[in-house]
Amino acid sequence: MSSSQTAHATLHYGDGEFAVLRPGRFVTCAVSGKTIPLETLRYWSVSHQEAYAGPGEAFQRLGQVA
């Protein structure tokens, strides 16, 4: 198994898409610390450049920065 299959990815989060800067299989939720496989990543912040495990975590983070 290559290191990119088990490694933490580095992404640039855009509007409706993300670009892979460093290959990997997952990112970490900025709120919960949960591992998020790239194929299931649906929630992130463009302005904060961070990923969220789900809508609850995204909403929680928005409440912290408002």
Protein backbone atom coordinates (compact mmCIF):
# COMPACT_ATOMS: atom_id res chain seq x y z
CA MET A 1 0.00 0.00 0.00
CA SER A 2 1.42 3.39 -0.96
CA SER A 3 1.71 6.20 1.55
CA SER A 4 -0.87 8.29 -0.37
CA GLN A 5 -3.48 5.59 0.38
CA THR A 6 -3.00 5.91 4.14
CA ALA A 7 -1.88 9.52 4.43
CA HIS A 8 -3.63 12.70 5.43
CA ALA A 9 -4.39 14.76 2.30
CA THR A 10 -3.79 18.49 1.98
CA LEU A 11 -6.54 20.27 0.06
CA HIS A 12 -7.41 23.74 -1.17
CA TYR A 13 -11.13 24.27 -0.63
CA GLY A 14 -12.98 26.19 -3.32
CA ASP A 15 -16.61 27.00 -4.08
CA GLY A 16 -18.21 23.61 -4.68
CA GLU A 17 -14.93 21.78 -5.28
CA PHE A 18 -11.54 21.15 -3.77
CA ALA A 19 -8.07 20.71 -5.23
CA VAL A 20 -5.64 18.13 -3.91
CA LEU A 21 -2.34 19.76 -2.99
CA ARG A 22 -0.86 16.65 -1.33
CA PRO A 23 -2.38 13.26 -2.13
CA GLY A 24 -3.94 11.22 0.62
CA ARG A 25 -7.07 9.30 1.50
CA PHE A 26 -8.55 11.54 4.19
CA VAL A 27 -8.71 14.93 5.92
CA THR A 28 -9.57 15.72 9.54
CA CYS A 29 -12.69 17.55 10.71
CA ALA A 30 -11.73 20.94 12.16
CA VAL A 31 -14.44 20.67 14.84
CA SER A 32 -14.65 17.03 15.90
CA GLY A 33 -11.25 15.70 14.87
CA LYS A 34 -12.95 12.83 12.99
CA THR A 35 -11.23 11.36 9.95
CA ILE A 36 -13.12 12.13 6.73
CA PRO A 37 -12.40 9.98 3.66
CA LEU A 38 -12.08 12.23 0.60
CA GLU A 39 -14.82 10.33 -1.22
CA THR A 40 -17.32 11.33 1.49
CA LEU A 41 -16.15 14.93 2.05
CA ARG A 42 -19.12 17.25 1.46
CA TYR A 43 -18.72 20.12 3.95
CA TRP A 44 -15.92 22.68 4.16
CA SER A 45 -15.23 26.37 4.55
CA VAL A 46 -13.59 28.27 1.72
CA SER A 47 -12.76 31.24 3.94
CA HIS A 48 -11.30 29.14 6.78
CA GLN A 49 -9.83 26.42 4.53
CA GLU A 50 -11.02 23.62 6.80
CA ALA A 51 -13.14 20.49 6.46
CA TYR A 52 -16.17 19.36 8.48
CA ALA A 53 -17.46 15.81 9.05
CA GLY A 54 -21.08 16.84 8.49
CA PRO A 55 -23.62 19.66 8.59
CA GLY A 56 -23.71 19.69 12.39
CA GLU A 57 -19.99 20.37 12.65
CA ALA A 58 -20.16 23.01 9.91
CA PHE A 59 -23.04 24.77 11.68
CA GLN A 60 -21.23 24.57 15.02
CA ARG A 61 -18.11 26.16 13.51
CA LEU A 62 -20.14 28.94 11.88
CA GLY A 63 -21.59 29.74 15.31
CA GLN A 64 -18.08 30.03 16.75
CA VAL A 65 -16.84 32.52 14.16
CA ALA A 66 -19.98 34.65 13.84
